[in-house]
Amino acid sequence: GVNGGGGTSHTCWDIAGLSEGCHDATGGTVGGQVGYRWQTGPIVFGVEAQGNWADFTGDNVSQLFPADRNRTKIDAFGLFTGQVGYAFNNVLIYMKGGAAVVDDKYSIVTNPGGALLASASETRWGGVVGVGFEYGFAPNWSAGLEYDHMFLGTQSNGFTTPAGAFAGSDNIKQDADLFTARVNYRFGGPIVARY
């Protein structure tokens, strides 16, 4: 299937326990998912892998260094989840949970002006939980809405200047909320419209 929507990542930076402040990185996302579901009575179990491109960006003026702005960007994420749901007629309501991974880019720029002072990047793993609703509107086709929350924890990141020199480290705490619409095609199964 395919999905698209938006999200927001709440990110807080600190140096040695001293807060530089927080900001929300918001934007759009589009991607796809593949999985397998099986049903016993009205109960549906599933596994799914999802990959998305994203453009979640945001920044704030550093509370410790007012001449700096701290900027965060998520440009991709993946979800690897198990699902359990309840189906009635052609409607499925489900919960999901598992692992999440995001591609993060961080930068420190001048305030004002926006000239790059230092940057860092990482691949960050965490957990995800979500809920969704899916409606079978035609044989083997379904559409739905989903909300997911990613718990991404705190990581220490070393920053380097554009010339490649070490510029210090920040502890960065992050979580994210995702809201997507989805369309799925199911291979096999009954020929009548169901979840």
Protein backbone atom coordinates (compact mmCIF):
# COMPACT_ATOMS: atom_id res chain seq x y z
CA GLY A 1 0.00 0.00 0.00
CA VAL A 2 0.83 3.70 -0.04
CA ASN A 3 0.43 6.37 2.62
CA GLY A 4 0.74 10.11 3.01
CA GLY A 5 0.15 12.77 5.61
CA GLY A 6 2.06 14.81 8.13
CA GLY A 7 3.85 14.71 11.41
CA THR A 8 5.61 16.62 14.13
CA SER A 9 8.74 15.78 16.10
CA HIS A 10 9.31 17.34 19.52
CA THR A 11 13.04 17.77 20.11
CA CYS A 12 14.94 19.13 23.12
CA TRP A 13 18.67 19.91 23.18
CA ASP A 14 20.96 20.22 26.21
CA ILE A 15 24.67 20.50 26.97
CA ALA A 16 25.85 18.76 30.17
CA GLY A 17 22.35 18.98 31.62
CA LEU A 18 21.87 22.67 30.76
CA SER A 19 18.85 23.13 28.50
CA GLU A 20 19.17 24.88 25.16
CA GLY A 21 15.41 24.69 24.68
CA CYS A 22 12.94 22.68 22.61
CA HIS A 23 11.18 22.97 19.28
CA ASP A 24 8.72 21.11 17.07
CA ALA A 25 9.86 19.93 13.64
CA THR A 26 6.78 19.64 11.43
CA GLY A 27 6.10 18.76 7.81
CA GLY A 28 4.75 16.25 5.33
CA THR A 29 5.47 12.61 4.60
CA VAL A 30 4.78 10.03 1.90
CA GLY A 31 5.68 6.36 1.71
CA GLY A 32 4.57 2.78 1.43
CA GLN A 33 3.92 -0.33 3.49
CA VAL A 34 3.96 -4.09 2.99
CA GLY A 35 2.64 -6.70 5.35
CA TYR A 36 0.69 -9.85 6.03
CA ARG A 37 -2.60 -10.28 7.90
CA TRP A 38 -4.53 -13.34 8.96
CA GLN A 39 -7.98 -13.59 10.53
CA THR A 40 -9.56 -15.96 13.04
CA GLY A 41 -13.21 -15.10 13.64
CA PRO A 42 -13.42 -11.32 14.01
CA ILE A 43 -9.83 -11.03 15.32
CA VAL A 44 -7.13 -9.99 12.85
CA PHE A 45 -3.37 -10.34 13.41
CA GLY A 46 -0.70 -8.80 11.24
CA VAL A 47 2.89 -7.79 10.69
CA GLU A 48 3.96 -4.78 8.66
CA ALA A 49 7.02 -2.87 7.48
CA GLN A 50 6.62 0.78 6.48
CA GLY A 51 9.10 3.19 4.91
CA ASN A 52 8.54 6.93 4.41
CA TRP A 53 10.27 9.99 3.07
CA ALA A 54 9.68 12.99 5.32
CA ASP A 55 10.38 16.70 5.60
CA PHE A 56 9.92 17.49 9.30
CA THR A 57 11.89 20.67 10.10
CA GLY A 58 12.01 23.11 12.99
CA ASP A 59 14.35 25.22 15.11
CA ASN A 60 14.67 27.46 18.15
CA VAL A 61 17.07 30.08 19.47
CA SER A 62 19.48 28.46 21.93
CA GLN A 63 18.75 29.46 25.53
CA LEU A 64 22.47 29.16 26.33
CA PHE A 65 23.85 30.78 23.19
CA PRO A 66 21.36 33.39 21.87
CA ALA A 67 23.51 33.98 18.77
CA ASP A 68 22.78 30.36 17.68
CA ARG A 69 19.71 28.60 16.36
CA ASN A 70 19.39 24.81 16.83
CA ARG A 71 17.73 23.12 13.87
CA THR A 72 16.34 19.59 13.46
CA LYS A 73 15.26 17.75 10.33
CA ILE A 74 13.81 14.23 9.92
CA ASP A 75 14.02 13.23 6.27
CA ALA A 76 13.03 9.54 6.51
CA PHE A 77 11.60 6.99 8.93
CA GLY A 78 10.67 3.32 9.07
CA LEU A 79 8.23 1.33 11.22
CA PHE A 80 8.38 -2.44 11.87
CA THR A 81 5.27 -3.50 13.76
CA GLY A 82 2.92 -6.22 14.84
CA GLN A 83 -0.84 -5.58 14.72
CA VAL A 84 -3.99 -6.87 16.34
CA GLY A 85 -7.46 -5.72 15.34
CA TYR A 86 -11.16 -6.40 15.28
CA ALA A 87 -13.07 -6.73 11.99
CA PHE A 88 -16.80 -6.33 11.43
CA ASN A 89 -18.27 -6.40 7.93
CA ASN A 90 -15.76 -4.44 5.81
CA VAL A 91 -14.32 -2.37 8.70
CA LEU A 92 -11.10 -3.07 10.64
CA ILE A 93 -10.02 -1.25 13.81
CA TYR A 94 -6.51 -2.12 14.97
CA MET A 95 -3.62 -1.35 17.30
CA LYS A 96 0.04 -1.72 16.39
CA GLY A 97 3.41 -1.60 18.11
CA GLY A 98 7.05 -2.33 17.45
CA ALA A 99 10.29 -0.64 16.40
CA ALA A 100 10.88 2.71 14.72
CA VAL A 101 13.94 4.17 13.02
CA VAL A 102 14.49 7.76 11.84
CA ASP A 103 17.15 9.57 9.82
CA ASP A 104 17.99 12.77 11.74
CA LYS A 105 19.99 15.79 10.65
CA TYR A 106 20.94 18.53 13.12
CA SER A 107 22.53 21.90 12.49
CA ILE A 108 23.57 24.97 14.46
CA VAL A 109 23.21 28.19 12.45
CA THR A 110 23.78 31.86 13.21
CA ASN A 111 20.93 33.94 14.60
CA PRO A 112 20.16 35.98 12.61
CA GLY A 113 21.53 35.10 9.18
CA GLY A 114 21.33 31.31 9.12
CA ALA A 115 25.00 30.63 8.29
CA LEU A 116 26.00 27.05 9.15
CA LEU A 117 28.24 26.78 12.22
CA ALA A 118 28.16 23.02 12.90
CA SER A 119 26.17 19.92 12.00
CA ALA A 120 25.55 16.29 12.95
CA SER A 121 23.48 13.38 11.68
CA GLU A 122 22.39 10.01 13.00
CA THR A 123 20.15 7.00 12.47
CA ARG A 124 18.08 6.72 15.65
CA TRP A 125 16.10 3.65 16.78
CA GLY A 126 13.18 3.62 19.21
CA GLY A 127 9.69 2.26 19.74
CA VAL A 128 6.31 3.02 18.17
CA VAL A 129 2.67 2.48 19.09
CA GLY A 130 -0.33 3.34 16.94
CA VAL A 131 -4.01 2.91 16.18
CA GLY A 132 -5.82 2.76 12.87
CA PHE A 133 -9.10 2.40 11.04
CA GLU A 134 -9.44 0.67 7.66
CA TYR A 135 -12.45 0.35 5.36
CA GLY A 136 -12.77 -2.14 2.49
CA PHE A 137 -14.33 -0.13 -0.33
CA ALA A 138 -13.88 -2.59 -3.24
CA PRO A 139 -12.70 -6.17 -3.76
CA ASN A 140 -9.18 -6.41 -2.30
CA TRP A 141 -8.93 -2.61 -1.82
CA SER A 142 -9.07 -0.73 1.49
CA ALA A 143 -8.48 2.83 2.70
CA GLY A 144 -7.84 4.05 6.19
CA LEU A 145 -6.44 6.52 8.68
CA GLU A 146 -3.65 5.91 11.17
CA TYR A 147 -2.00 7.68 14.11
CA ASP A 148 1.44 6.65 15.42
CA HIS A 149 3.65 7.88 18.25
CA MET A 150 7.40 7.23 18.10
CA PHE A 151 9.43 7.10 21.33
CA LEU A 152 12.98 7.93 20.26
CA GLY A 153 14.73 8.61 23.56
CA THR A 154 17.87 10.69 24.15
CA GLN A 155 21.15 10.42 22.24
CA SER A 156 24.43 12.29 22.45
CA ASN A 157 25.55 13.76 19.12
CA GLY A 158 28.98 15.15 18.25
CA PHE A 159 28.93 18.22 16.00
CA THR A 160 31.54 19.21 13.42
CA THR A 161 32.16 22.54 11.70
CA PRO A 162 31.97 22.88 7.89
CA ALA A 163 35.79 22.58 7.94
CA GLY A 164 35.54 19.23 9.75
CA ALA A 165 36.67 20.32 13.22
CA PHE A 166 34.95 18.98 16.34
CA ALA A 167 32.53 21.61 17.73
CA GLY A 168 31.15 19.90 20.85
CA SER A 169 28.30 17.55 21.76
CA ASP A 170 24.61 17.94 22.51
CA ASN A 171 22.21 15.52 24.18
CA ILE A 172 19.10 15.48 22.00
CA LYS A 173 15.78 14.04 23.17
CA GLN A 174 13.12 13.31 20.57
CA ASP A 175 9.68 11.86 20.00
CA ALA A 176 7.28 12.18 17.07
CA ASP A 177 3.60 12.00 16.17
CA LEU A 178 2.45 10.82 12.72
CA PHE A 179 -0.93 11.19 11.03
CA THR A 180 -1.39 9.36 7.72
CA ALA A 181 -4.04 8.27 5.26
CA ARG A 182 -3.46 4.87 3.67
CA VAL A 183 -4.63 2.88 0.64
CA ASN A 184 -3.89 -0.86 0.51
CA TYR A 185 -4.28 -3.60 -2.06
CA ARG A 186 -4.62 -7.11 -0.65
CA PHE A 187 -3.33 -10.04 -2.71
CA GLY A 188 -5.51 -13.16 -2.44
CA GLY A 189 -8.43 -13.52 -0.05
CA PRO A 190 -12.17 -13.32 -0.72
CA ILE A 191 -13.55 -11.52 -3.73
CA VAL A 192 -16.01 -9.48 -1.67
CA ALA A 193 -15.07 -6.13 -0.18
CA ARG A 194 -13.84 -6.61 3.39
CA TYR A 195 -11.34 -4.90 5.62
